[in-house]
Amino acid sequence: MSNLSRVLERQQKEREEIRRRRAEEDRDADEEEEQMLAVAVCMLNQSRQHRRRRAPNVNRRRDSRGIVCGVPSSGRSSPRERKRKGATSMKAVVITTPGGPEVLQLHEVEDPELKDNEVLIKVEATALNRADILQRKGMYPPPPGSSPYLGLECSGTIEAVGKQVSRWQVGDKVCALLSGGGYAEKVAVPAGQVLLAPPGVSLQDAASFPEVSCTVWSTVFMMSRLSAGETFLVHGGSSGIGTFAIQIAKYWGAKVFVTAGSKEKLAFCKNLGADVCINYKTEDFVARLKEETGGKGVDVILDIIGAEYFRRNLKSLSFDGRLFVIGTMGGAVTEIDLRVVLSKRLTIQAAGLRYRSPENKAAIVREVENNVWPAIVAGKVKPVVYKYFPLSEAAEAHLLMESSKHIGKILLLP
């Protein structure tokens, strides 16, 4: 019994000692926290005083509560501040406010910040895309973390590489798929979205390939599985997407149908290799397709129109046909009769490139490098460039694109 009492007494003393140590630790932690807080407040006050002395481009005002607020007088650092920071500048086309082409202005901005997995490209050329018009109007914002400037593709020379980049070197002539930033003298892009400029194509014209090749290959071939001997319809055959799609589909052995709105555009598509050219302004493309295919319809359709063509596209597909929608120029809302889809076993898909992850884009770019680049190098797929504009005339280039008078791509040159 005495032994048990000693054990219990010892355990009680141990518990009291533990409680005492914990109390001391809590007091020490509280004191340390108070000291750290005091230091932080002191540093914050010093930082505020420093900013007041060193911020020449900040206007001060009092808000409704009487609190003094710093208001930047300009969206860009002053030349003196950039010089002090060691920042370098470039020229880029800036959307001054959402609106028409006139809102595009060439400004001096800071160079892109290069991340470890990126390369910095000195831009030789960039190409216009319909998405640029939507972004200019405030209807298509860039993905979070992307460049705020327009431009979804470019060509040029690598000026710098990030720490994690091993494939590319300074001086390489390349073209690249971008999330934005092409309308500038320089752009930073993930290394996985870069392609070697194809031999036999000028570095300027190489800018016409990344967006169209990645769009067409990922939608028509990777997802819709177009194969040799099948039939393929591309709407807007004279567009940048269309002129590329005609050539690559023919290269892989498909029979190609196109729609366009003038004799000149249809003739151009025919010269590129299109088998059947349909004027959508004067003909019913559904009836013409049925006539040309013996009533079967086509296997794959690539559509940029959307709602206006949706029902007619379903009627134009064969059994097991695949419709891929990549644009909504003719509206975004429509109705669907599921009985048509069920009875013909149709597949309907839609996708874009810009909001895909860098990993997904890199996978598409590698597929393009393996399957499309050999056709370009062999001269079976050629760049189709309608007109070149200096970067300072981006507004005029947008006017041309919106007029739909062009055939193929429109390029901007810094």
Protein backbone atom coordinates (compact mmCIF):
# COMPACT_ATOMS: atom_id res chain seq x y z
CA MET A 1 0.00 0.00 0.00
CA SER A 2 2.88 2.35 0.86
CA ASN A 3 4.47 1.62 -2.53
CA LEU A 4 1.23 2.54 -4.31
CA SER A 5 1.04 5.81 -2.36
CA ARG A 6 4.59 6.71 -3.41
CA VAL A 7 3.79 5.96 -7.05
CA LEU A 8 0.67 8.11 -6.97
CA GLU A 9 2.53 10.92 -5.25
CA ARG A 10 5.32 10.81 -7.87
CA GLN A 11 2.79 10.87 -10.72
CA GLN A 12 1.06 13.89 -9.15
CA LYS A 13 4.36 15.77 -8.92
CA GLU A 14 5.14 14.93 -12.58
CA ARG A 15 1.75 16.28 -13.69
CA GLU A 16 2.29 19.49 -11.73
CA GLU A 17 5.76 19.90 -13.25
CA ILE A 18 4.32 19.46 -16.78
CA ARG A 19 1.62 22.08 -16.10
CA ARG A 20 4.27 24.50 -14.77
CA ARG A 21 6.46 24.08 -17.87
CA ARG A 22 3.50 24.56 -20.22
CA ALA A 23 2.52 27.76 -18.39
CA GLU A 24 6.09 29.08 -18.77
CA GLU A 25 6.14 28.17 -22.47
CA ASP A 26 2.83 29.96 -23.00
CA ARG A 27 4.14 33.11 -21.32
CA ASP A 28 7.33 33.00 -23.42
CA ALA A 29 5.29 32.55 -26.62
CA ASP A 30 3.06 35.49 -25.70
CA GLU A 31 6.07 37.71 -25.05
CA GLU A 32 7.71 36.63 -28.31
CA GLU A 33 4.50 37.29 -30.25
CA GLU A 34 4.21 40.77 -28.73
CA GLN A 35 7.82 41.53 -29.65
CA MET A 36 7.32 40.33 -33.25
CA LEU A 37 4.15 42.41 -33.56
CA ALA A 38 5.97 45.50 -32.32
CA VAL A 39 8.78 44.94 -34.83
CA ALA A 40 6.28 44.45 -37.67
CA VAL A 41 4.43 47.68 -36.79
CA CYS A 42 7.73 49.55 -36.70
CA MET A 43 8.79 48.18 -40.11
CA LEU A 44 5.39 49.02 -41.61
CA ASN A 45 5.62 52.61 -40.39
CA GLN A 46 9.12 52.93 -41.82
CA SER A 47 7.95 51.49 -45.14
CA ARG A 48 5.06 53.96 -45.32
CA GLN A 49 7.38 56.88 -44.59
CA HIS A 50 9.81 55.63 -47.24
CA ARG A 51 7.05 55.37 -49.87
CA ARG A 52 5.87 58.88 -49.11
CA ARG A 53 9.39 60.20 -49.75
CA ARG A 54 10.10 58.06 -52.86
CA ALA A 55 6.82 57.99 -54.84
CA PRO A 56 6.82 60.99 -57.23
CA ASN A 57 3.99 59.59 -59.34
CA VAL A 58 1.50 59.27 -56.47
CA ASN A 59 -1.17 61.90 -55.86
CA ARG A 60 -2.58 62.16 -52.35
CA ARG A 61 -6.16 62.82 -51.41
CA ARG A 62 -8.42 62.36 -48.43
CA ASP A 63 -11.35 60.04 -48.69
CA SER A 64 -14.76 60.59 -47.06
CA ARG A 65 -13.41 59.35 -43.73
CA GLY A 66 -10.51 61.83 -43.75
CA ILE A 67 -7.93 59.10 -44.43
CA VAL A 68 -5.07 60.02 -46.76
CA CYS A 69 -4.95 57.67 -49.79
CA GLY A 70 -2.21 57.24 -52.41
CA VAL A 71 -3.59 57.33 -55.96
CA PRO A 72 -1.26 56.32 -58.83
CA SER A 73 -1.22 59.08 -61.40
CA SER A 74 -0.33 56.64 -64.21
CA GLY A 75 -0.69 52.95 -64.92
CA ARG A 76 3.07 52.77 -65.71
CA SER A 77 6.16 53.59 -63.72
CA SER A 78 7.90 56.86 -64.52
CA PRO A 79 11.07 56.67 -66.67
CA ARG A 80 13.12 57.69 -63.60
CA GLU A 81 11.56 54.91 -61.51
CA ARG A 82 12.12 52.27 -64.23
CA LYS A 83 15.74 53.37 -64.52
CA ARG A 84 16.17 53.14 -60.75
CA LYS A 85 14.66 49.65 -60.69
CA GLY A 86 16.69 48.50 -63.70
CA ALA A 87 13.52 47.69 -65.63
CA THR A 88 13.62 47.77 -69.43
CA SER A 89 10.78 48.73 -71.72
CA MET A 90 9.26 47.71 -75.03
CA LYS A 91 6.40 48.76 -77.25
CA ALA A 92 3.06 46.96 -77.19
CA VAL A 93 -0.45 47.55 -78.49
CA VAL A 94 -2.68 48.51 -75.57
CA ILE A 95 -6.48 48.42 -75.36
CA THR A 96 -7.08 51.88 -73.91
CA THR A 97 -10.74 51.09 -73.26
CA PRO A 98 -13.10 48.39 -74.60
CA GLY A 99 -14.47 49.39 -78.00
CA GLY A 100 -13.75 49.61 -81.70
CA PRO A 101 -10.39 49.35 -83.50
CA GLU A 102 -9.59 52.97 -82.65
CA VAL A 103 -9.00 52.03 -78.99
CA LEU A 104 -5.81 50.18 -79.95
CA GLN A 105 -2.74 52.32 -79.32
CA LEU A 106 0.99 51.64 -79.32
CA HIS A 107 2.44 52.39 -75.87
CA GLU A 108 5.72 51.94 -74.09
CA VAL A 109 5.37 49.24 -71.43
CA GLU A 110 7.66 47.19 -69.24
CA ASP A 111 9.29 44.04 -70.63
CA PRO A 112 7.64 40.72 -69.71
CA GLU A 113 8.81 39.05 -66.51
CA LEU A 114 10.48 35.73 -67.37
CA LYS A 115 9.53 32.69 -65.27
CA ASP A 116 11.77 29.66 -64.75
CA ASN A 117 9.82 27.50 -67.25
CA GLU A 118 9.54 30.17 -69.95
CA VAL A 119 11.51 31.61 -72.84
CA LEU A 120 11.60 35.27 -73.85
CA ILE A 121 11.00 35.81 -77.56
CA LYS A 122 11.89 38.93 -79.51
CA VAL A 123 8.83 39.05 -81.75
CA GLU A 124 9.33 38.99 -85.52
CA ALA A 125 5.62 38.83 -86.29
CA THR A 126 2.26 38.09 -84.71
CA ALA A 127 -1.03 37.11 -86.35
CA LEU A 128 -4.58 38.34 -85.88
CA ASN A 129 -7.33 36.02 -84.68
CA ARG A 130 -11.06 36.59 -84.18
CA ALA A 131 -10.50 36.22 -80.45
CA ASP A 132 -8.47 39.45 -80.55
CA ILE A 133 -11.55 41.37 -81.68
CA LEU A 134 -13.60 39.93 -78.82
CA GLN A 135 -10.91 40.83 -76.29
CA ARG A 136 -10.69 44.35 -77.70
CA LYS A 137 -14.44 44.73 -77.12
CA GLY A 138 -14.10 43.52 -73.53
CA MET A 139 -15.82 40.18 -74.21
CA TYR A 140 -12.89 37.74 -73.97
CA PRO A 141 -10.51 38.41 -71.06
CA PRO A 142 -7.11 36.72 -70.95
CA PRO A 143 -6.64 33.79 -68.55
CA PRO A 144 -5.50 34.73 -65.02
CA GLY A 145 -1.77 35.40 -64.93
CA SER A 146 -1.47 35.85 -68.68
CA SER A 147 -0.29 38.93 -70.55
CA PRO A 148 -2.98 41.64 -70.77
CA TYR A 149 -1.98 42.40 -74.35
CA LEU A 150 -3.51 40.92 -77.50
CA GLY A 151 -1.90 38.23 -79.62
CA LEU A 152 -2.32 34.43 -79.45
CA GLU A 153 0.68 33.44 -81.57
CA CYS A 154 4.00 34.79 -82.71
CA SER A 155 7.34 34.06 -84.34
CA GLY A 156 10.75 35.39 -83.45
CA THR A 157 14.14 34.81 -81.86
CA ILE A 158 14.72 33.57 -78.31
CA GLU A 159 16.46 36.24 -76.23
CA ALA A 160 16.52 34.50 -72.85
CA VAL A 161 15.57 31.18 -71.25
CA GLY A 162 14.34 30.36 -67.76
CA LYS A 163 16.31 28.25 -65.28
CA GLN A 164 14.19 25.13 -65.91
CA VAL A 165 14.37 25.30 -69.73
CA SER A 166 16.71 22.78 -71.38
CA ARG A 167 15.52 22.34 -74.96
CA TRP A 168 15.72 25.94 -76.20
CA GLN A 169 18.71 28.22 -76.43
CA VAL A 170 19.27 31.93 -76.97
CA GLY A 171 19.26 32.64 -80.72
CA ASP A 172 16.82 29.87 -81.72
CA LYS A 173 14.34 30.88 -84.43
CA VAL A 174 10.92 29.79 -83.23
CA CYS A 175 7.17 30.30 -83.29
CA ALA A 176 4.85 29.88 -80.34
CA LEU A 177 1.28 29.41 -79.13
CA LEU A 178 0.43 32.17 -76.64
CA SER A 179 -2.25 32.96 -74.09
CA GLY A 180 -1.69 36.62 -74.94
CA GLY A 181 1.07 39.16 -75.48
CA GLY A 182 1.87 38.73 -79.17
CA TYR A 183 1.10 42.37 -80.07
CA ALA A 184 4.42 43.48 -78.59
CA GLU A 185 8.13 43.59 -79.26
CA LYS A 186 8.79 40.81 -76.74
CA VAL A 187 6.75 38.05 -75.14
CA ALA A 188 7.38 35.40 -72.46
CA VAL A 189 5.89 31.97 -73.14
CA PRO A 190 6.07 28.52 -71.49
CA ALA A 191 8.79 26.49 -73.19
CA GLY A 192 6.36 23.66 -73.96
CA GLN A 193 4.33 25.93 -76.25
CA VAL A 194 7.28 26.74 -78.52
CA LEU A 195 8.02 25.22 -81.93
CA LEU A 196 11.10 25.49 -84.10
CA ALA A 197 10.32 27.75 -87.05
CA PRO A 198 9.78 25.31 -89.96
CA PRO A 199 12.59 25.26 -92.54
CA GLY A 200 11.58 26.71 -95.90
CA VAL A 201 9.19 29.22 -94.32
CA SER A 202 10.24 32.80 -93.54
CA LEU A 203 10.41 33.67 -89.86
CA GLN A 204 7.67 36.28 -90.40
CA ASP A 205 5.29 33.82 -92.05
CA ALA A 206 5.93 31.20 -89.36
CA ALA A 207 3.74 33.37 -87.11
CA SER A 208 0.72 32.28 -89.17
CA PHE A 209 0.95 28.64 -88.05
CA PRO A 210 0.78 28.09 -84.24
CA GLU A 211 -2.86 28.98 -83.52
CA VAL A 212 -4.40 27.44 -86.65
CA SER A 213 -2.31 24.28 -86.54
CA CYS A 214 -2.96 23.64 -82.85
CA THR A 215 -6.68 24.42 -83.24
CA VAL A 216 -7.25 22.23 -86.29
CA TRP A 217 -5.07 19.34 -85.20
CA SER A 218 -6.55 19.16 -81.68
CA THR A 219 -10.18 19.39 -82.83
CA VAL A 220 -10.35 17.68 -86.22
CA PHE A 221 -7.73 14.98 -85.72
CA MET A 222 -7.09 14.40 -81.99
CA MET A 223 -10.73 14.66 -80.87
CA SER A 224 -12.87 14.12 -83.99
CA ARG A 225 -10.48 11.46 -85.36
CA LEU A 226 -10.67 12.42 -89.05
CA SER A 227 -8.89 9.72 -91.05
CA ALA A 228 -7.93 8.98 -94.62
CA GLY A 229 -10.90 8.30 -96.93
CA GLU A 230 -13.40 10.24 -94.78
CA THR A 231 -15.25 13.41 -95.77
CA PHE A 232 -14.65 16.73 -94.04
CA LEU A 233 -16.50 20.08 -94.17
CA VAL A 234 -14.93 23.32 -92.92
CA HIS A 235 -17.05 26.45 -92.77
CA GLY A 236 -15.24 29.69 -93.57
CA GLY A 237 -12.86 27.94 -95.94
CA SER A 238 -11.04 31.17 -96.82
CA SER A 239 -10.27 32.10 -93.20
CA GLY A 240 -6.96 31.41 -91.49
CA ILE A 241 -8.44 28.27 -89.92
CA GLY A 242 -10.07 27.25 -93.20
CA THR A 243 -7.06 27.67 -95.47
CA PHE A 244 -4.93 25.61 -93.09
CA ALA A 245 -7.63 22.95 -92.54
CA ILE A 246 -8.01 22.38 -96.28
CA GLN A 247 -4.32 21.69 -96.72
CA ILE A 248 -3.76 19.45 -93.70
CA ALA A 249 -6.94 17.43 -94.30
CA LYS A 250 -5.92 16.80 -97.91
CA TYR A 251 -2.42 15.85 -96.75
CA TRP A 252 -3.94 13.17 -94.51
CA GLY A 253 -6.16 11.78 -97.26
CA ALA A 254 -9.62 13.26 -96.58
CA LYS A 255 -12.10 14.59 -99.13
CA VAL A 256 -12.61 18.28 -98.32
CA PHE A 257 -15.76 20.39 -98.60
CA VAL A 258 -15.76 24.13 -97.85
CA THR A 259 -18.21 27.01 -97.62
CA ALA A 260 -17.29 30.60 -98.47
CA GLY A 261 -19.11 33.76 -99.55
CA SER A 262 -17.59 34.80 -102.90
CA LYS A 263 -16.31 33.37 -106.19
CA GLU A 264 -12.83 34.69 -105.43
CA LYS A 265 -12.69 32.94 -102.07
CA LEU A 266 -14.10 29.71 -103.47
CA ALA A 267 -11.54 29.73 -106.27
CA PHE A 268 -8.74 30.22 -103.76
CA CYS A 269 -10.00 27.28 -101.69
CA LYS A 270 -10.15 25.16 -104.83
CA ASN A 271 -6.53 25.99 -105.61
CA LEU A 272 -5.53 24.95 -102.10
CA GLY A 273 -7.01 21.51 -102.72
CA ALA A 274 -10.67 21.67 -101.65
CA ASP A 275 -12.74 19.10 -103.56
CA VAL A 276 -16.17 20.74 -103.29
CA CYS A 277 -16.64 24.50 -102.80
CA ILE A 278 -20.07 25.86 -101.81
CA ASN A 279 -21.20 29.49 -101.87
CA TYR A 280 -23.29 29.76 -98.71
CA LYS A 281 -24.88 32.98 -99.96
CA THR A 282 -26.39 31.39 -103.09
CA GLU A 283 -26.62 27.67 -102.23
CA ASP A 284 -28.14 25.46 -99.54
CA PHE A 285 -25.05 23.73 -98.24
CA VAL A 286 -27.09 20.88 -96.70
CA ALA A 287 -28.64 19.99 -100.06
CA ARG A 288 -25.31 20.30 -101.86
CA LEU A 289 -23.55 18.06 -99.38
CA LYS A 290 -26.26 15.40 -99.67
CA GLU A 291 -25.97 15.59 -103.45
CA GLU A 292 -22.17 15.26 -103.42
CA THR A 293 -22.16 12.37 -100.93
CA GLY A 294 -25.03 10.32 -102.35
CA GLY A 295 -27.32 11.30 -99.48
CA LYS A 296 -24.90 10.19 -96.74
CA GLY A 297 -23.55 13.51 -95.48
CA VAL A 298 -20.02 14.17 -94.27
CA ASP A 299 -18.06 12.50 -91.48
CA VAL A 300 -16.60 15.56 -89.74
CA ILE A 301 -17.60 19.26 -89.64
CA LEU A 302 -15.46 22.07 -88.22
CA ASP A 303 -17.73 25.02 -87.50
CA ILE A 304 -16.97 28.65 -86.58
CA ILE A 305 -20.58 29.91 -86.94
CA GLY A 306 -22.38 28.29 -84.02
CA ALA A 307 -26.13 28.65 -83.46
CA GLU A 308 -27.06 29.80 -86.97
CA TYR A 309 -25.64 26.65 -88.54
CA PHE A 310 -26.22 24.18 -85.70
CA ARG A 311 -29.35 22.38 -86.96
CA ARG A 312 -28.15 22.39 -90.55
CA ASN A 313 -24.84 20.93 -89.46
CA LEU A 314 -26.61 18.02 -87.76
CA LYS A 315 -28.57 17.38 -90.96
CA SER A 316 -25.33 17.45 -92.94
CA LEU A 317 -23.58 14.74 -90.91
CA SER A 318 -23.46 11.08 -91.83
CA PHE A 319 -24.13 8.25 -89.39
CA ASP A 320 -21.47 8.37 -86.65
CA GLY A 321 -20.67 11.91 -87.79
CA ARG A 322 -18.75 14.36 -85.61
CA LEU A 323 -19.45 18.08 -85.27
CA PHE A 324 -16.84 20.31 -83.66
CA VAL A 325 -17.78 23.90 -82.82
CA ILE A 326 -14.92 26.39 -82.29
CA GLY A 327 -16.77 29.70 -82.74
CA THR A 328 -20.09 31.48 -82.31
CA MET A 329 -20.00 34.14 -85.03
CA GLY A 330 -23.63 33.26 -85.82
CA GLY A 331 -24.86 33.16 -82.22
CA ALA A 332 -24.30 31.09 -79.11
CA VAL A 333 -27.82 29.89 -78.16
CA THR A 334 -29.85 27.32 -80.07
CA GLU A 335 -32.16 24.32 -79.63
CA ILE A 336 -31.35 20.69 -80.28
CA ASP A 337 -33.53 17.78 -81.33
CA LEU A 338 -31.93 14.89 -79.49
CA ARG A 339 -33.76 12.39 -81.71
CA VAL A 340 -31.51 13.42 -84.60
CA VAL A 341 -28.41 12.93 -82.45
CA LEU A 342 -29.58 9.57 -81.16
CA SER A 343 -30.77 8.14 -84.45
CA LYS A 344 -27.55 9.05 -86.31
CA ARG A 345 -25.19 8.36 -83.37
CA LEU A 346 -23.71 11.84 -83.67
CA THR A 347 -20.92 13.32 -81.58
CA ILE A 348 -21.04 17.05 -80.78
CA GLN A 349 -18.00 18.72 -79.25
CA ALA A 350 -16.73 22.22 -78.63
CA ALA A 351 -13.47 23.61 -77.35
CA GLY A 352 -11.02 26.49 -77.43
CA LEU A 353 -7.28 26.72 -76.92
CA ARG A 354 -6.70 29.80 -74.81
CA TYR A 355 -8.04 28.56 -71.46
CA ARG A 356 -6.41 25.14 -71.60
CA SER A 357 -3.67 24.40 -69.07
CA PRO A 358 -0.02 24.86 -70.09
CA GLU A 359 0.40 21.09 -69.84
CA ASN A 360 -2.50 20.47 -72.23
CA LYS A 361 -1.22 23.07 -74.67
CA ALA A 362 2.25 21.54 -74.56
CA ALA A 363 0.79 18.12 -75.42
CA ILE A 364 -1.04 19.60 -78.42
CA VAL A 365 2.09 21.45 -79.56
CA ARG A 366 4.10 18.22 -79.50
CA GLU A 367 1.39 16.48 -81.54
CA VAL A 368 1.54 19.32 -84.05
CA GLU A 369 5.31 19.09 -84.20
CA ASN A 370 5.15 15.36 -84.94
CA ASN A 371 2.21 15.34 -87.37
CA VAL A 372 1.89 18.78 -88.96
CA TRP A 373 5.43 20.13 -89.15
CA PRO A 374 6.59 17.37 -91.56
CA ALA A 375 3.82 18.44 -93.99
CA ILE A 376 4.97 22.07 -93.76
CA VAL A 377 8.63 21.16 -94.24
CA ALA A 378 7.67 19.05 -97.27
CA GLY A 379 5.84 22.02 -98.80
CA LYS A 380 2.45 20.27 -98.67
CA VAL A 381 1.06 22.86 -96.24
CA LYS A 382 1.99 26.47 -96.95
CA PRO A 383 1.41 29.72 -95.09
CA VAL A 384 -1.44 31.84 -96.47
CA VAL A 385 -0.83 35.48 -95.57
CA TYR A 386 -3.13 38.16 -96.98
CA LYS A 387 -1.42 41.32 -95.70
CA TYR A 388 1.30 42.61 -93.36
CA PHE A 389 0.82 45.65 -91.11
CA PRO A 390 3.28 47.42 -88.82
CA LEU A 391 2.42 47.02 -85.15
CA SER A 392 1.51 50.70 -85.01
CA GLU A 393 -1.34 50.03 -87.49
CA ALA A 394 -3.07 47.33 -85.44
CA ALA A 395 -6.34 49.28 -85.66
CA GLU A 396 -6.26 49.15 -89.49
CA ALA A 397 -5.53 45.42 -89.34
CA HIS A 398 -8.57 44.89 -87.10
CA LEU A 399 -10.74 46.85 -89.53
CA LEU A 400 -9.64 44.54 -92.34
CA MET A 401 -10.39 41.41 -90.32
CA GLU A 402 -13.84 42.67 -89.33
CA SER A 403 -14.62 43.42 -92.99
CA SER A 404 -14.02 39.71 -93.84
CA LYS A 405 -12.49 40.78 -97.16
CA HIS A 406 -9.24 38.96 -96.49
CA ILE A 407 -8.17 35.42 -97.33
CA GLY A 408 -5.93 33.58 -94.87
CA LYS A 409 -3.98 35.33 -92.14
CA ILE A 410 -3.20 38.98 -91.32
CA LEU A 411 0.20 39.64 -89.71
CA LEU A 412 1.54 42.46 -87.55
CA LEU A 413 5.25 43.31 -87.62
CA PRO A 414 6.91 45.12 -84.65
